[in-house]
Amino acid sequence: MIRSIQAVTGFEYRASTHQAREGENILFSALVKEGDVIPGNAHFDTTKGHIEFRKARPLDCTISEAYDT
């Protein structure tokens, strides 16, 4: 199975997770560093937590019209 995943994705390494939030945690541990500013549209609570845990700042870029449904 590992070779099949490598053939499809082209990646030598992989990390299987049971939920996207765990995959996000792994990804953020490699990419998000202290002092970074991470823009997004209304970060999920777990996403915001993963960012803040790494001493970075989540920046909500949602425009005000998005809240007027």
PDB file of N, CA and C in Angstrom:
ATOM      1  N   MET A   1       0.818  -1.193   0.000  1.00  0.00           N
ATOM      2  CA  MET A   1       0.000   0.000   0.000  1.00  0.00           C
ATOM      3  C   MET A   1       0.865   1.262   0.000  1.00  0.00           C
ATOM      4  N   ILE A   2       1.951   1.242   0.750  1.00  0.00           N
ATOM      5  CA  ILE A   2       2.823   2.411   0.812  1.00  0.00           C
ATOM      6  C   ILE A   2       3.370   2.739  -0.574  1.00  0.00           C
ATOM      7  N   ARG A   3       3.774   1.732  -1.324  1.00  0.00           N
ATOM      8  CA  ARG A   3       4.301   1.979  -2.680  1.00  0.00           C
ATOM      9  C   ARG A   3       3.228   2.556  -3.593  1.00  0.00           C
ATOM     10  N   SER A   4       1.993   2.111  -3.411  1.00  0.00           N
ATOM     11  CA  SER A   4       0.892   2.647  -4.219  1.00  0.00           C
ATOM     12  C   SER A   4       0.687   4.129  -3.933  1.00  0.00           C
ATOM     13  N   ILE A   5       0.719   4.499  -2.656  1.00  0.00           N
ATOM     14  CA  ILE A   5       0.565   5.908  -2.274  1.00  0.00           C
ATOM     15  C   ILE A   5       1.718   6.721  -2.829  1.00  0.00           C
ATOM     16  N   GLN A   6       2.934   6.184  -2.752  1.00  0.00           N
ATOM     17  CA  GLN A   6       4.094   6.895  -3.291  1.00  0.00           C
ATOM     18  C   GLN A   6       3.969   7.067  -4.800  1.00  0.00           C
ATOM     19  N   ALA A   7       3.481   6.047  -5.487  1.00  0.00           N
ATOM     20  CA  ALA A   7       3.327   6.125  -6.943  1.00  0.00           C
ATOM     21  C   ALA A   7       2.290   7.170  -7.343  1.00  0.00           C
ATOM     22  N   VAL A   8       1.193   7.252  -6.587  1.00  0.00           N
ATOM     23  CA  VAL A   8       0.122   8.193  -6.914  1.00  0.00           C
ATOM     24  C   VAL A   8       0.502   9.628  -6.562  1.00  0.00           C
ATOM     25  N   THR A   9       1.074   9.817  -5.377  1.00  0.00           N
ATOM     26  CA  THR A   9       1.357  11.178  -4.911  1.00  0.00           C
ATOM     27  C   THR A   9       2.731  11.691  -5.324  1.00  0.00           C
ATOM     28  N   GLY A  10       3.665  10.780  -5.544  1.00  0.00           N
ATOM     29  CA  GLY A  10       5.025  11.189  -5.845  1.00  0.00           C
ATOM     30  C   GLY A  10       5.835  11.540  -4.607  1.00  0.00           C
ATOM     31  N   PHE A  11       5.236  11.360  -3.432  1.00  0.00           N
ATOM     32  CA  PHE A  11       5.914  11.677  -2.179  1.00  0.00           C
ATOM     33  C   PHE A  11       6.526  10.420  -1.581  1.00  0.00           C
ATOM     34  N   GLU A  12       7.760  10.555  -1.082  1.00  0.00           N
ATOM     35  CA  GLU A  12       8.436   9.411  -0.467  1.00  0.00           C
ATOM     36  C   GLU A  12       7.829   9.070   0.899  1.00  0.00           C
ATOM     37  N   TYR A  13       7.419  10.106   1.634  1.00  0.00           N
ATOM     38  CA  TYR A  13       6.908   9.897   2.987  1.00  0.00           C
ATOM     39  C   TYR A  13       5.436  10.275   3.076  1.00  0.00           C
ATOM     40  N   ARG A  14       4.753   9.694   4.028  1.00  0.00           N
ATOM     41  CA  ARG A  14       3.340  10.012   4.252  1.00  0.00           C
ATOM     42  C   ARG A  14       3.042   9.868   5.735  1.00  0.00           C
ATOM     43  N   ALA A  15       1.955  10.489   6.150  1.00  0.00           N
ATOM     44  CA  ALA A  15       1.491  10.360   7.530  1.00  0.00           C
ATOM     45  C   ALA A  15      -0.014  10.111   7.481  1.00  0.00           C
ATOM     46  N   SER A  16      -0.428   8.966   7.930  1.00  0.00           N
ATOM     47  CA  SER A  16      -1.855   8.645   7.953  1.00  0.00           C
ATOM     48  C   SER A  16      -2.457   9.215   9.232  1.00  0.00           C
ATOM     49  N   THR A  17      -3.562   9.921   9.092  1.00  0.00           N
ATOM     50  CA  THR A  17      -4.245  10.481  10.255  1.00  0.00           C
ATOM     51  C   THR A  17      -5.713  10.101  10.196  1.00  0.00           C
ATOM     52  N   HIS A  18      -6.362  10.081  11.348  1.00  0.00           N
ATOM     53  CA  HIS A  18      -7.777   9.700  11.399  1.00  0.00           C
ATOM     54  C   HIS A  18      -8.698  10.898  11.200  1.00  0.00           C
ATOM     55  N   GLN A  19      -8.159  12.101  11.329  1.00  0.00           N
ATOM     56  CA  GLN A  19      -8.962  13.304  11.137  1.00  0.00           C
ATOM     57  C   GLN A  19      -8.097  14.391  10.511  1.00  0.00           C
ATOM     58  N   ALA A  20      -8.756  15.306   9.810  1.00  0.00           N
ATOM     59  CA  ALA A  20      -8.024  16.404   9.163  1.00  0.00           C
ATOM     60  C   ALA A  20      -7.298  17.265  10.182  1.00  0.00           C
ATOM     61  N   ARG A  21      -7.874  17.440  11.382  1.00  0.00           N
ATOM     62  CA  ARG A  21      -7.215  18.297  12.365  1.00  0.00           C
ATOM     63  C   ARG A  21      -5.860  17.744  12.779  1.00  0.00           C
ATOM     64  N   GLU A  22      -5.701  16.429  12.762  1.00  0.00           N
ATOM     65  CA  GLU A  22      -4.393  15.841  13.084  1.00  0.00           C
ATOM     66  C   GLU A  22      -3.413  16.060  11.940  1.00  0.00           C
ATOM     67  N   GLY A  23      -3.899  15.941  10.709  1.00  0.00           N
ATOM     68  CA  GLY A  23      -3.057  16.236   9.554  1.00  0.00           C
ATOM     69  C   GLY A  23      -2.609  17.681   9.574  1.00  0.00           C
ATOM     70  N   GLU A  24      -3.528  18.565   9.920  1.00  0.00           N
ATOM     71  CA  GLU A  24      -3.215  19.993  10.033  1.00  0.00           C
ATOM     72  C   GLU A  24      -2.155  20.225  11.112  1.00  0.00           C
ATOM     73  N   ASN A  25      -2.281  19.528  12.219  1.00  0.00           N
ATOM     74  CA  ASN A  25      -1.312  19.667  13.309  1.00  0.00           C
ATOM     75  C   ASN A  25       0.085  19.258  12.839  1.00  0.00           C
ATOM     76  N   ILE A  26       0.174  18.167  12.103  1.00  0.00           N
ATOM     77  CA  ILE A  26       1.466  17.715  11.579  1.00  0.00           C
ATOM     78  C   ILE A  26       2.017  18.741  10.585  1.00  0.00           C
ATOM     79  N   LEU A  27       1.167  19.199   9.669  1.00  0.00           N
ATOM     80  CA  LEU A  27       1.590  20.176   8.666  1.00  0.00           C
ATOM     81  C   LEU A  27       2.065  21.469   9.317  1.00  0.00           C
ATOM     82  N   PHE A  28       1.288  21.965  10.279  1.00  0.00           N
ATOM     83  CA  PHE A  28       1.644  23.212  10.946  1.00  0.00           C
ATOM     84  C   PHE A  28       2.931  23.086  11.750  1.00  0.00           C
ATOM     85  N   SER A  29       3.204  21.901  12.287  1.00  0.00           N
ATOM     86  CA  SER A  29       4.439  21.729  13.050  1.00  0.00           C
ATOM     87  C   SER A  29       5.663  21.923  12.151  1.00  0.00           C
ATOM     88  N   ALA A  30       5.499  21.672  10.862  1.00  0.00           N
ATOM     89  CA  ALA A  30       6.605  21.848   9.925  1.00  0.00           C
ATOM     90  C   ALA A  30       6.640  23.245   9.318  1.00  0.00           C
ATOM     91  N   LEU A  31       5.479  23.883   9.174  1.00  0.00           N
ATOM     92  CA  LEU A  31       5.418  25.132   8.425  1.00  0.00           C
ATOM     93  C   LEU A  31       5.267  26.397   9.257  1.00  0.00           C
ATOM     94  N   VAL A  32       4.569  26.320  10.387  1.00  0.00           N
ATOM     95  CA  VAL A  32       4.253  27.524  11.162  1.00  0.00           C
ATOM     96  C   VAL A  32       5.308  27.732  12.248  1.00  0.00           C
ATOM     97  N   LYS A  33       5.894  28.908  12.241  1.00  0.00           N
ATOM     98  CA  LYS A  33       6.948  29.235  13.205  1.00  0.00           C
ATOM     99  C   LYS A  33       6.545  30.434  14.059  1.00  0.00           C
ATOM    100  N   GLU A  34       7.177  30.572  15.207  1.00  0.00           N
ATOM    101  CA  GLU A  34       6.911  31.689  16.110  1.00  0.00           C
ATOM    102  C   GLU A  34       7.020  33.015  15.364  1.00  0.00           C
ATOM    103  N   GLY A  35       6.018  33.868  15.559  1.00  0.00           N
ATOM    104  CA  GLY A  35       6.007  35.178  14.938  1.00  0.00           C
ATOM    105  C   GLY A  35       5.321  35.223  13.575  1.00  0.00           C
ATOM    106  N   ASP A  36       5.022  34.062  12.996  1.00  0.00           N
ATOM    107  CA  ASP A  36       4.323  34.039  11.705  1.00  0.00           C
ATOM    108  C   ASP A  36       2.920  34.610  11.849  1.00  0.00           C
ATOM    109  N   VAL A  37       2.404  35.173  10.771  1.00  0.00           N
ATOM    110  CA  VAL A  37       1.014  35.609  10.697  1.00  0.00           C
ATOM    111  C   VAL A  37       0.355  34.728   9.646  1.00  0.00           C
ATOM    112  N   ILE A  38      -0.725  34.027  10.052  1.00  0.00           N
ATOM    113  CA  ILE A  38      -1.390  33.074   9.176  1.00  0.00           C
ATOM    114  C   ILE A  38      -2.771  33.606   8.809  1.00  0.00           C
ATOM    115  N   PRO A  39      -2.941  34.118   7.574  1.00  0.00           N
ATOM    116  CA  PRO A  39      -4.241  34.649   7.172  1.00  0.00           C
ATOM    117  C   PRO A  39      -5.230  33.526   6.859  1.00  0.00           C
ATOM    118  N   GLY A  40      -6.498  33.824   7.029  1.00  0.00           N
ATOM    119  CA  GLY A  40      -7.536  32.856   6.701  1.00  0.00           C
ATOM    120  C   GLY A  40      -8.905  33.479   6.818  1.00  0.00           C
ATOM    121  N   ASN A  41      -9.904  32.761   6.369  1.00  0.00           N
ATOM    122  CA  ASN A  41     -11.296  33.194   6.474  1.00  0.00           C
ATOM    123  C   ASN A  41     -11.959  32.442   7.614  1.00  0.00           C
ATOM    124  N   ALA A  42     -12.074  33.075   8.765  1.00  0.00           N
ATOM    125  CA  ALA A  42     -12.720  32.493   9.945  1.00  0.00           C
ATOM    126  C   ALA A  42     -12.123  31.127  10.291  1.00  0.00           C
ATOM    127  N   HIS A  43     -10.908  31.141  10.803  1.00  0.00           N
ATOM    128  CA  HIS A  43     -10.219  29.900  11.187  1.00  0.00           C
ATOM    129  C   HIS A  43     -11.107  29.045  12.096  1.00  0.00           C
ATOM    130  N   PHE A  44     -11.109  27.733  11.880  1.00  0.00           N
ATOM    131  CA  PHE A  44     -11.760  26.822  12.821  1.00  0.00           C
ATOM    132  C   PHE A  44     -11.069  26.958  14.175  1.00  0.00           C
ATOM    133  N   ASP A  45     -11.756  26.595  15.244  1.00  0.00           N
ATOM    134  CA  ASP A  45     -11.166  26.684  16.588  1.00  0.00           C
ATOM    135  C   ASP A  45      -9.871  25.892  16.683  1.00  0.00           C
ATOM    136  N   THR A  46      -9.867  24.673  16.123  1.00  0.00           N
ATOM    137  CA  THR A  46      -8.662  23.842  16.209  1.00  0.00           C
ATOM    138  C   THR A  46      -7.531  24.438  15.374  1.00  0.00           C
ATOM    139  N   THR A  47      -7.871  25.013  14.220  1.00  0.00           N
ATOM    140  CA  THR A  47      -6.850  25.649  13.379  1.00  0.00           C
ATOM    141  C   THR A  47      -6.223  26.819  14.119  1.00  0.00           C
ATOM    142  N   LYS A  48      -7.056  27.644  14.710  1.00  0.00           N
ATOM    143  CA  LYS A  48      -6.568  28.782  15.489  1.00  0.00           C
ATOM    144  C   LYS A  48      -5.684  28.296  16.637  1.00  0.00           C
ATOM    145  N   GLY A  49      -6.102  27.240  17.296  1.00  0.00           N
ATOM    146  CA  GLY A  49      -5.320  26.671  18.393  1.00  0.00           C
ATOM    147  C   GLY A  49      -3.971  26.156  17.944  1.00  0.00           C
ATOM    148  N   HIS A  50      -3.932  25.474  16.789  1.00  0.00           N
ATOM    149  CA  HIS A  50      -2.658  24.973  16.271  1.00  0.00           C
ATOM    150  C   HIS A  50      -1.711  26.124  15.938  1.00  0.00           C
ATOM    151  N   ILE A  51      -2.258  27.204  15.430  1.00  0.00           N
ATOM    152  CA  ILE A  51      -1.437  28.375  15.097  1.00  0.00           C
ATOM    153  C   ILE A  51      -0.912  29.031  16.369  1.00  0.00           C
ATOM    154  N   GLU A  52      -1.801  29.294  17.322  1.00  0.00           N
ATOM    155  CA  GLU A  52      -1.408  29.977  18.562  1.00  0.00           C
ATOM    156  C   GLU A  52      -0.455  29.129  19.401  1.00  0.00           C
ATOM    157  N   PHE A  53      -0.610  27.807  19.370  1.00  0.00           N
ATOM    158  CA  PHE A  53       0.287  26.917  20.109  1.00  0.00           C
ATOM    159  C   PHE A  53       1.734  27.111  19.664  1.00  0.00           C
ATOM    160  N   ARG A  54       1.906  27.470  18.387  1.00  0.00           N
ATOM    161  CA  ARG A  54       3.242  27.674  17.844  1.00  0.00           C
ATOM    162  C   ARG A  54       3.692  29.129  17.946  1.00  0.00           C
ATOM    163  N   LYS A  55       2.963  29.902  18.767  1.00  0.00           N
ATOM    164  CA  LYS A  55       3.281  31.318  19.019  1.00  0.00           C
ATOM    165  C   LYS A  55       3.253  32.148  17.736  1.00  0.00           C
ATOM    166  N   ALA A  56       2.334  31.792  16.861  1.00  0.00           N
ATOM    167  CA  ALA A  56       2.075  32.562  15.650  1.00  0.00           C
ATOM    168  C   ALA A  56       0.712  33.226  15.820  1.00  0.00           C
ATOM    169  N   ARG A  57       0.322  34.067  14.875  1.00  0.00           N
ATOM    170  CA  ARG A  57      -0.931  34.805  15.008  1.00  0.00           C
ATOM    171  C   ARG A  57      -1.863  34.484  13.848  1.00  0.00           C
ATOM    172  N   PRO A  58      -3.075  33.979  14.161  1.00  0.00           N
ATOM    173  CA  PRO A  58      -4.073  33.793  13.106  1.00  0.00           C
ATOM    174  C   PRO A  58      -4.689  35.145  12.750  1.00  0.00           C
ATOM    175  N   LEU A  59      -4.779  35.449  11.479  1.00  0.00           N
ATOM    176  CA  LEU A  59      -5.343  36.712  11.027  1.00  0.00           C
ATOM    177  C   LEU A  59      -6.629  36.421  10.254  1.00  0.00           C
ATOM    178  N   ASP A  60      -7.761  36.854  10.800  1.00  0.00           N
ATOM    179  CA  ASP A  60      -9.054  36.626  10.165  1.00  0.00           C
ATOM    180  C   ASP A  60      -9.269  37.690   9.092  1.00  0.00           C
ATOM    181  N   CYS A  61      -9.340  37.274   7.848  1.00  0.00           N
ATOM    182  CA  CYS A  61      -9.500  38.194   6.714  1.00  0.00           C
ATOM    183  C   CYS A  61     -10.932  38.199   6.177  1.00  0.00           C
ATOM    184  N   THR A  62     -11.879  37.669   6.944  1.00  0.00           N
ATOM    185  CA  THR A  62     -13.270  37.624   6.507  1.00  0.00           C
ATOM    186  C   THR A  62     -13.826  39.030   6.395  1.00  0.00           C
ATOM    187  N   ILE A  63     -14.444  39.335   5.271  1.00  0.00           N
ATOM    188  CA  ILE A  63     -15.032  40.666   5.089  1.00  0.00           C
ATOM    189  C   ILE A  63     -16.369  40.731   5.843  1.00  0.00           C
ATOM    190  N   SER A  64     -16.781  41.919   6.242  1.00  0.00           N
ATOM    191  CA  SER A  64     -17.983  42.087   7.054  1.00  0.00           C
ATOM    192  C   SER A  64     -19.252  41.592   6.357  1.00  0.00           C
ATOM    193  N   GLU A  65     -19.297  41.680   5.032  1.00  0.00           N
ATOM    194  CA  GLU A  65     -20.473  41.222   4.305  1.00  0.00           C
ATOM    195  C   GLU A  65     -20.719  39.714   4.466  1.00  0.00           C
ATOM    196  N   ALA A  66     -19.690  38.965   4.794  1.00  0.00           N
ATOM    197  CA  ALA A  66     -19.843  37.522   4.980  1.00  0.00           C
ATOM    198  C   ALA A  66     -20.742  37.180   6.161  1.00  0.00           C
ATOM    199  N   TYR A  67     -20.850  38.107   7.120  1.00  0.00           N
ATOM    200  CA  TYR A  67     -21.678  37.856   8.308  1.00  0.00           C
ATOM    201  C   TYR A  67     -23.122  38.307   8.115  1.00  0.00           C
ATOM    202  N   ASP A  68     -23.450  38.899   6.985  1.00  0.00           N
ATOM    203  CA  ASP A  68     -24.802  39.375   6.690  1.00  0.00           C
ATOM    204  C   ASP A  68     -25.481  38.390   5.742  1.00  0.00           C
ATOM    205  N   THR A  69     -25.952  37.285   6.315  1.00  0.00           N
ATOM    206  CA  THR A  69     -26.598  36.270   5.488  1.00  0.00           C
ATOM    207  C   THR A  69     -28.069  36.528   5.326  1.00  0.00           C
TER     208      THR A  69
END
